[in-house]
Amino acid sequence: MALAHPEPGGALRGRTGPETGTGPLRGTLATTACMETLQVGYLHAVAAAAGCSLSQPFPDNGIDWHVSHGSPEHVIDDEVTVKVQLKATYQTPPNPPGPTFAFTLDNEHLVKLARTPAAVPKILVVMLVPREREEWLSAGHDRLDLRHCCYWTNLAGHPVTGRRRTTVRIPTARIFDDRALCEIMTRVGSGGTP
């Protein structure tokens, strides 16, 4: 019995979608729901490369994920945890100019992320994604490219300034990758802040 090999580009190569006339036929799930799934995939990849475990609180009480890092070198415990709130936007272009970019949070979320002191530190991770889903990722034999980028910040102590929403500044130097996550966990494991 001969096994068929998939065509480069997938089995549906050449098939067009009804809305755009080009590309594969994509599902009708809302873009915001797809953005949420994409950023969860990014978080999973970063956690895997950093040697961290993930757990999702159930029910979700305003924090999306708990990320834990075990090491005998931690001072306060052999395993430390950071709570992560994920957000995504296509309204900010990739590689934002300047040292920060603006992101608006509901005050209820900000209050939860800004509370001090906190028994478990919290960070906000914001993913900038292309507006069009067909630009979100590409795969090859040697890599999977996921676009664009996640940035992280610690909002502990940040004041609420808006009536219902507050704009916070996200540092562009704080790219959220496996090295950044390991550094965050090392600081937390030493009794410091993310």
C-alpha atoms as a PDB file:
ATOM      1  CA  MET A   1       0.000   0.000   0.000  1.00  0.00           C
ATOM      2  CA  ALA A   2       1.414   3.382  -0.984  1.00  0.00           C
ATOM      3  CA  LEU A   3       1.000   6.335   1.323  1.00  0.00           C
ATOM      4  CA  ALA A   4       0.201   9.639  -0.285  1.00  0.00           C
ATOM      5  CA  HIS A   5       2.432  12.543   0.666  1.00  0.00           C
ATOM      6  CA  PRO A   6       0.713  15.859   1.376  1.00  0.00           C
ATOM      7  CA  GLU A   7       1.168  18.578  -1.186  1.00  0.00           C
ATOM      8  CA  PRO A   8       3.419  21.472  -0.167  1.00  0.00           C
ATOM      9  CA  GLY A   9       1.206  24.143   1.307  1.00  0.00           C
ATOM     10  CA  GLY A  10      -1.473  21.728   2.482  1.00  0.00           C
ATOM     11  CA  ALA A  11      -4.123  19.486   0.985  1.00  0.00           C
ATOM     12  CA  LEU A  12      -6.377  22.380  -0.006  1.00  0.00           C
ATOM     13  CA  ARG A  13      -3.711  24.340  -1.866  1.00  0.00           C
ATOM     14  CA  GLY A  14      -5.308  26.428  -4.544  1.00  0.00           C
ATOM     15  CA  ARG A  15      -8.750  26.366  -2.959  1.00  0.00           C
ATOM     16  CA  THR A  16     -10.075  29.832  -2.337  1.00  0.00           C
ATOM     17  CA  GLY A  17     -12.253  31.180   0.416  1.00  0.00           C
ATOM     18  CA  PRO A  18     -15.618  32.775  -0.374  1.00  0.00           C
ATOM     19  CA  GLU A  19     -14.831  36.140   1.250  1.00  0.00           C
ATOM     20  CA  THR A  20     -11.339  36.945  -0.003  1.00  0.00           C
ATOM     21  CA  GLY A  21     -11.109  34.876  -3.155  1.00  0.00           C
ATOM     22  CA  THR A  22      -7.615  33.743  -2.118  1.00  0.00           C
ATOM     23  CA  GLY A  23      -6.114  31.430   0.447  1.00  0.00           C
ATOM     24  CA  PRO A  24      -7.613  28.478   2.301  1.00  0.00           C
ATOM     25  CA  LEU A  25     -11.183  28.326   3.507  1.00  0.00           C
ATOM     26  CA  ARG A  26     -10.952  29.520   7.132  1.00  0.00           C
ATOM     27  CA  GLY A  27     -13.521  28.879   9.839  1.00  0.00           C
ATOM     28  CA  THR A  28     -16.042  31.453  10.988  1.00  0.00           C
ATOM     29  CA  LEU A  29     -14.820  31.727  14.597  1.00  0.00           C
ATOM     30  CA  ALA A  30     -14.690  35.389  15.665  1.00  0.00           C
ATOM     31  CA  THR A  31     -11.336  37.091  15.147  1.00  0.00           C
ATOM     32  CA  THR A  32     -11.072  37.970  18.849  1.00  0.00           C
ATOM     33  CA  ALA A  33     -11.545  34.313  19.799  1.00  0.00           C
ATOM     34  CA  CYS A  34      -8.863  33.315  17.284  1.00  0.00           C
ATOM     35  CA  MET A  35      -6.521  35.983  18.696  1.00  0.00           C
ATOM     36  CA  GLU A  36      -7.024  34.507  22.159  1.00  0.00           C
ATOM     37  CA  THR A  37      -6.145  31.040  20.876  1.00  0.00           C
ATOM     38  CA  LEU A  38      -3.054  32.378  19.090  1.00  0.00           C
ATOM     39  CA  GLN A  39      -1.693  34.093  22.209  1.00  0.00           C
ATOM     40  CA  VAL A  40      -2.291  30.943  24.279  1.00  0.00           C
ATOM     41  CA  GLY A  41      -0.206  29.035  21.723  1.00  0.00           C
ATOM     42  CA  TYR A  42       2.543  31.655  22.054  1.00  0.00           C
ATOM     43  CA  LEU A  43       2.460  31.341  25.859  1.00  0.00           C
ATOM     44  CA  HIS A  44       2.650  27.540  25.640  1.00  0.00           C
ATOM     45  CA  ALA A  45       5.679  27.718  23.328  1.00  0.00           C
ATOM     46  CA  VAL A  46       7.505  30.177  25.611  1.00  0.00           C
ATOM     47  CA  ALA A  47       6.702  28.143  28.739  1.00  0.00           C
ATOM     48  CA  ALA A  48       7.892  24.916  27.085  1.00  0.00           C
ATOM     49  CA  ALA A  49      11.211  26.469  26.034  1.00  0.00           C
ATOM     50  CA  ALA A  50      11.683  27.946  29.541  1.00  0.00           C
ATOM     51  CA  GLY A  51      10.960  24.633  31.295  1.00  0.00           C
ATOM     52  CA  CYS A  52       7.835  25.957  32.994  1.00  0.00           C
ATOM     53  CA  SER A  53       4.497  24.315  33.707  1.00  0.00           C
ATOM     54  CA  LEU A  54       1.156  25.948  33.002  1.00  0.00           C
ATOM     55  CA  SER A  55      -2.179  25.734  34.730  1.00  0.00           C
ATOM     56  CA  GLN A  56      -5.403  27.492  33.948  1.00  0.00           C
ATOM     57  CA  PRO A  57      -7.547  28.640  36.869  1.00  0.00           C
ATOM     58  CA  PHE A  58     -11.051  27.277  36.814  1.00  0.00           C
ATOM     59  CA  PRO A  59     -13.188  29.214  36.928  1.00  0.00           C
ATOM     60  CA  ASP A  60     -11.237  32.133  35.492  1.00  0.00           C
ATOM     61  CA  ASN A  61     -11.346  35.021  37.960  1.00  0.00           C
ATOM     62  CA  GLY A  62      -9.642  37.661  35.815  1.00  0.00           C
ATOM     63  CA  ILE A  63      -6.283  35.878  35.535  1.00  0.00           C
ATOM     64  CA  ASP A  64      -5.762  33.638  32.515  1.00  0.00           C
ATOM     65  CA  TRP A  65      -2.794  31.427  33.447  1.00  0.00           C
ATOM     66  CA  HIS A  66      -0.484  30.397  36.266  1.00  0.00           C
ATOM     67  CA  VAL A  67       3.092  29.764  35.112  1.00  0.00           C
ATOM     68  CA  SER A  68       5.337  27.789  37.487  1.00  0.00           C
ATOM     69  CA  HIS A  69       9.111  27.319  37.406  1.00  0.00           C
ATOM     70  CA  GLY A  70      10.941  24.762  39.515  1.00  0.00           C
ATOM     71  CA  SER A  71      14.608  25.051  40.452  1.00  0.00           C
ATOM     72  CA  PRO A  72      16.667  24.058  43.496  1.00  0.00           C
ATOM     73  CA  GLU A  73      18.380  27.439  43.115  1.00  0.00           C
ATOM     74  CA  HIS A  74      15.232  29.376  44.053  1.00  0.00           C
ATOM     75  CA  VAL A  75      15.594  30.929  47.499  1.00  0.00           C
ATOM     76  CA  ILE A  76      11.962  31.243  48.630  1.00  0.00           C
ATOM     77  CA  ASP A  77      10.697  27.830  47.447  1.00  0.00           C
ATOM     78  CA  ASP A  78      11.731  25.099  45.036  1.00  0.00           C
ATOM     79  CA  GLU A  79       8.899  26.154  42.717  1.00  0.00           C
ATOM     80  CA  VAL A  80       7.663  29.694  42.117  1.00  0.00           C
ATOM     81  CA  THR A  81       4.577  30.887  40.255  1.00  0.00           C
ATOM     82  CA  VAL A  82       3.600  33.991  38.339  1.00  0.00           C
ATOM     83  CA  LYS A  83       0.038  34.803  37.303  1.00  0.00           C
ATOM     84  CA  VAL A  84      -0.326  35.891  33.667  1.00  0.00           C
ATOM     85  CA  GLN A  85      -3.071  37.974  32.090  1.00  0.00           C
ATOM     86  CA  LEU A  86      -3.044  37.713  28.283  1.00  0.00           C
ATOM     87  CA  LYS A  87      -4.262  40.406  25.918  1.00  0.00           C
ATOM     88  CA  ALA A  88      -3.943  40.800  22.149  1.00  0.00           C
ATOM     89  CA  THR A  89      -4.446  43.644  19.695  1.00  0.00           C
ATOM     90  CA  TYR A  90      -4.023  44.338  15.999  1.00  0.00           C
ATOM     91  CA  GLN A  91      -4.420  48.101  16.511  1.00  0.00           C
ATOM     92  CA  THR A  92      -0.721  48.602  17.304  1.00  0.00           C
ATOM     93  CA  PRO A  93       1.609  47.884  14.373  1.00  0.00           C
ATOM     94  CA  PRO A  94       4.566  45.501  14.714  1.00  0.00           C
ATOM     95  CA  ASN A  95       7.869  46.749  16.117  1.00  0.00           C
ATOM     96  CA  PRO A  96       6.314  49.844  17.711  1.00  0.00           C
ATOM     97  CA  PRO A  97       8.605  52.888  17.636  1.00  0.00           C
ATOM     98  CA  GLY A  98       9.814  54.359  20.901  1.00  0.00           C
ATOM     99  CA  PRO A  99      10.390  52.864  24.322  1.00  0.00           C
ATOM    100  CA  THR A 100       6.696  52.029  25.002  1.00  0.00           C
ATOM    101  CA  PHE A 101       3.329  51.630  23.325  1.00  0.00           C
ATOM    102  CA  ALA A 102      -0.118  52.403  24.726  1.00  0.00           C
ATOM    103  CA  PHE A 103      -2.584  49.686  25.714  1.00  0.00           C
ATOM    104  CA  THR A 104      -5.961  50.291  27.326  1.00  0.00           C
ATOM    105  CA  LEU A 105      -7.279  48.038  30.095  1.00  0.00           C
ATOM    106  CA  ASP A 106     -10.643  47.890  31.825  1.00  0.00           C
ATOM    107  CA  ASN A 107     -10.159  49.328  35.310  1.00  0.00           C
ATOM    108  CA  GLU A 108     -11.379  46.073  36.858  1.00  0.00           C
ATOM    109  CA  HIS A 109      -8.485  44.198  35.206  1.00  0.00           C
ATOM    110  CA  LEU A 110      -5.985  46.907  36.112  1.00  0.00           C
ATOM    111  CA  VAL A 111      -6.974  46.854  39.787  1.00  0.00           C
ATOM    112  CA  LYS A 112      -6.392  43.082  39.892  1.00  0.00           C
ATOM    113  CA  LEU A 113      -2.995  43.377  38.152  1.00  0.00           C
ATOM    114  CA  ALA A 114      -1.857  46.433  40.142  1.00  0.00           C
ATOM    115  CA  ARG A 115      -2.661  45.180  43.649  1.00  0.00           C
ATOM    116  CA  THR A 116       0.255  45.282  46.084  1.00  0.00           C
ATOM    117  CA  PRO A 117       1.397  43.470  48.000  1.00  0.00           C
ATOM    118  CA  ALA A 118       0.569  40.232  46.197  1.00  0.00           C
ATOM    119  CA  ALA A 119       1.212  36.695  47.416  1.00  0.00           C
ATOM    120  CA  VAL A 120       1.752  35.612  43.799  1.00  0.00           C
ATOM    121  CA  PRO A 121       3.200  38.199  41.386  1.00  0.00           C
ATOM    122  CA  LYS A 122       1.236  39.066  38.257  1.00  0.00           C
ATOM    123  CA  ILE A 123       2.278  40.188  34.798  1.00  0.00           C
ATOM    124  CA  LEU A 124       0.404  41.447  31.770  1.00  0.00           C
ATOM    125  CA  VAL A 125       1.424  39.948  28.417  1.00  0.00           C
ATOM    126  CA  VAL A 126       0.213  41.844  25.335  1.00  0.00           C
ATOM    127  CA  MET A 127       0.477  40.283  21.884  1.00  0.00           C
ATOM    128  CA  LEU A 128       0.594  42.414  18.760  1.00  0.00           C
ATOM    129  CA  VAL A 129      -0.900  40.459  15.860  1.00  0.00           C
ATOM    130  CA  PRO A 130      -1.392  41.250  12.162  1.00  0.00           C
ATOM    131  CA  ARG A 131      -4.902  42.351  11.291  1.00  0.00           C
ATOM    132  CA  GLU A 132      -5.314  39.536   8.727  1.00  0.00           C
ATOM    133  CA  ARG A 133      -5.335  35.943  10.027  1.00  0.00           C
ATOM    134  CA  GLU A 134      -3.470  34.593   7.011  1.00  0.00           C
ATOM    135  CA  GLU A 135      -0.459  36.617   8.197  1.00  0.00           C
ATOM    136  CA  TRP A 136      -0.397  35.162  11.738  1.00  0.00           C
ATOM    137  CA  LEU A 137       1.900  32.229  11.078  1.00  0.00           C
ATOM    138  CA  SER A 138       3.889  30.377   8.479  1.00  0.00           C
ATOM    139  CA  ALA A 139       5.490  26.963   8.674  1.00  0.00           C
ATOM    140  CA  GLY A 140       8.467  25.410   6.984  1.00  0.00           C
ATOM    141  CA  HIS A 141      10.538  22.280   7.457  1.00  0.00           C
ATOM    142  CA  ASP A 142      12.861  24.047   9.894  1.00  0.00           C
ATOM    143  CA  ARG A 143      10.596  26.432  11.792  1.00  0.00           C
ATOM    144  CA  LEU A 144       7.190  27.804  12.672  1.00  0.00           C
ATOM    145  CA  ASP A 145       7.006  31.610  12.519  1.00  0.00           C
ATOM    146  CA  LEU A 146       4.355  33.146  14.753  1.00  0.00           C
ATOM    147  CA  ARG A 147       3.655  36.841  14.232  1.00  0.00           C
ATOM    148  CA  HIS A 148       4.140  39.371  15.605  1.00  0.00           C
ATOM    149  CA  CYS A 149       5.353  39.579  19.177  1.00  0.00           C
ATOM    150  CA  CYS A 150       4.357  39.515  22.849  1.00  0.00           C
ATOM    151  CA  TYR A 151       5.551  42.103  25.349  1.00  0.00           C
ATOM    152  CA  TRP A 152       5.252  41.909  29.127  1.00  0.00           C
ATOM    153  CA  THR A 153       5.022  44.329  32.017  1.00  0.00           C
ATOM    154  CA  ASN A 154       4.508  44.301  35.766  1.00  0.00           C
ATOM    155  CA  LEU A 155       1.698  46.738  36.656  1.00  0.00           C
ATOM    156  CA  ALA A 156       2.018  46.413  40.454  1.00  0.00           C
ATOM    157  CA  GLY A 157       1.106  49.748  42.010  1.00  0.00           C
ATOM    158  CA  HIS A 158      -0.145  51.298  38.726  1.00  0.00           C
ATOM    159  CA  PRO A 159      -2.895  53.854  39.403  1.00  0.00           C
ATOM    160  CA  VAL A 160      -6.347  53.827  37.829  1.00  0.00           C
ATOM    161  CA  THR A 161      -6.672  57.094  35.914  1.00  0.00           C
ATOM    162  CA  GLY A 162      -9.691  56.652  33.639  1.00  0.00           C
ATOM    163  CA  ARG A 163     -13.363  56.524  34.473  1.00  0.00           C
ATOM    164  CA  ARG A 164     -13.887  52.955  33.133  1.00  0.00           C
ATOM    165  CA  ARG A 165     -10.633  52.222  31.312  1.00  0.00           C
ATOM    166  CA  THR A 166      -7.016  53.218  31.878  1.00  0.00           C
ATOM    167  CA  THR A 167      -4.221  53.450  29.331  1.00  0.00           C
ATOM    168  CA  VAL A 168      -0.972  51.808  30.433  1.00  0.00           C
ATOM    169  CA  ARG A 169       2.438  51.902  28.738  1.00  0.00           C
ATOM    170  CA  ILE A 170       4.024  48.608  27.646  1.00  0.00           C
ATOM    171  CA  PRO A 171       7.847  48.687  27.317  1.00  0.00           C
ATOM    172  CA  THR A 172       9.020  47.580  23.869  1.00  0.00           C
ATOM    173  CA  ALA A 173      12.289  46.304  25.373  1.00  0.00           C
ATOM    174  CA  ARG A 174      10.370  43.647  27.336  1.00  0.00           C
ATOM    175  CA  ILE A 175       9.836  41.032  24.648  1.00  0.00           C
ATOM    176  CA  PHE A 176       8.171  37.978  26.179  1.00  0.00           C
ATOM    177  CA  ASP A 177      10.242  34.947  25.224  1.00  0.00           C
ATOM    178  CA  ASP A 178      11.786  31.980  27.037  1.00  0.00           C
ATOM    179  CA  ARG A 179      14.805  33.966  28.254  1.00  0.00           C
ATOM    180  CA  ALA A 180      12.608  36.755  29.605  1.00  0.00           C
ATOM    181  CA  LEU A 181      10.398  34.211  31.388  1.00  0.00           C
ATOM    182  CA  CYS A 182      13.452  32.509  32.955  1.00  0.00           C
ATOM    183  CA  GLU A 183      14.733  35.909  34.147  1.00  0.00           C
ATOM    184  CA  ILE A 184      11.302  36.770  35.596  1.00  0.00           C
ATOM    185  CA  MET A 185      11.210  33.461  37.458  1.00  0.00           C
ATOM    186  CA  THR A 186      14.784  33.888  38.735  1.00  0.00           C
ATOM    187  CA  ARG A 187      13.875  37.285  40.216  1.00  0.00           C
ATOM    188  CA  VAL A 188      10.670  35.912  41.769  1.00  0.00           C
ATOM    189  CA  GLY A 189      12.568  32.872  43.067  1.00  0.00           C
ATOM    190  CA  SER A 190      14.979  35.224  44.843  1.00  0.00           C
ATOM    191  CA  GLY A 191      12.093  36.976  46.600  1.00  0.00           C
ATOM    192  CA  GLY A 192      11.963  39.890  44.145  1.00  0.00           C
ATOM    193  CA  THR A 193       9.403  41.170  41.678  1.00  0.00           C
ATOM    194  CA  PRO A 194       9.004  40.096  38.055  1.00  0.00           C
END
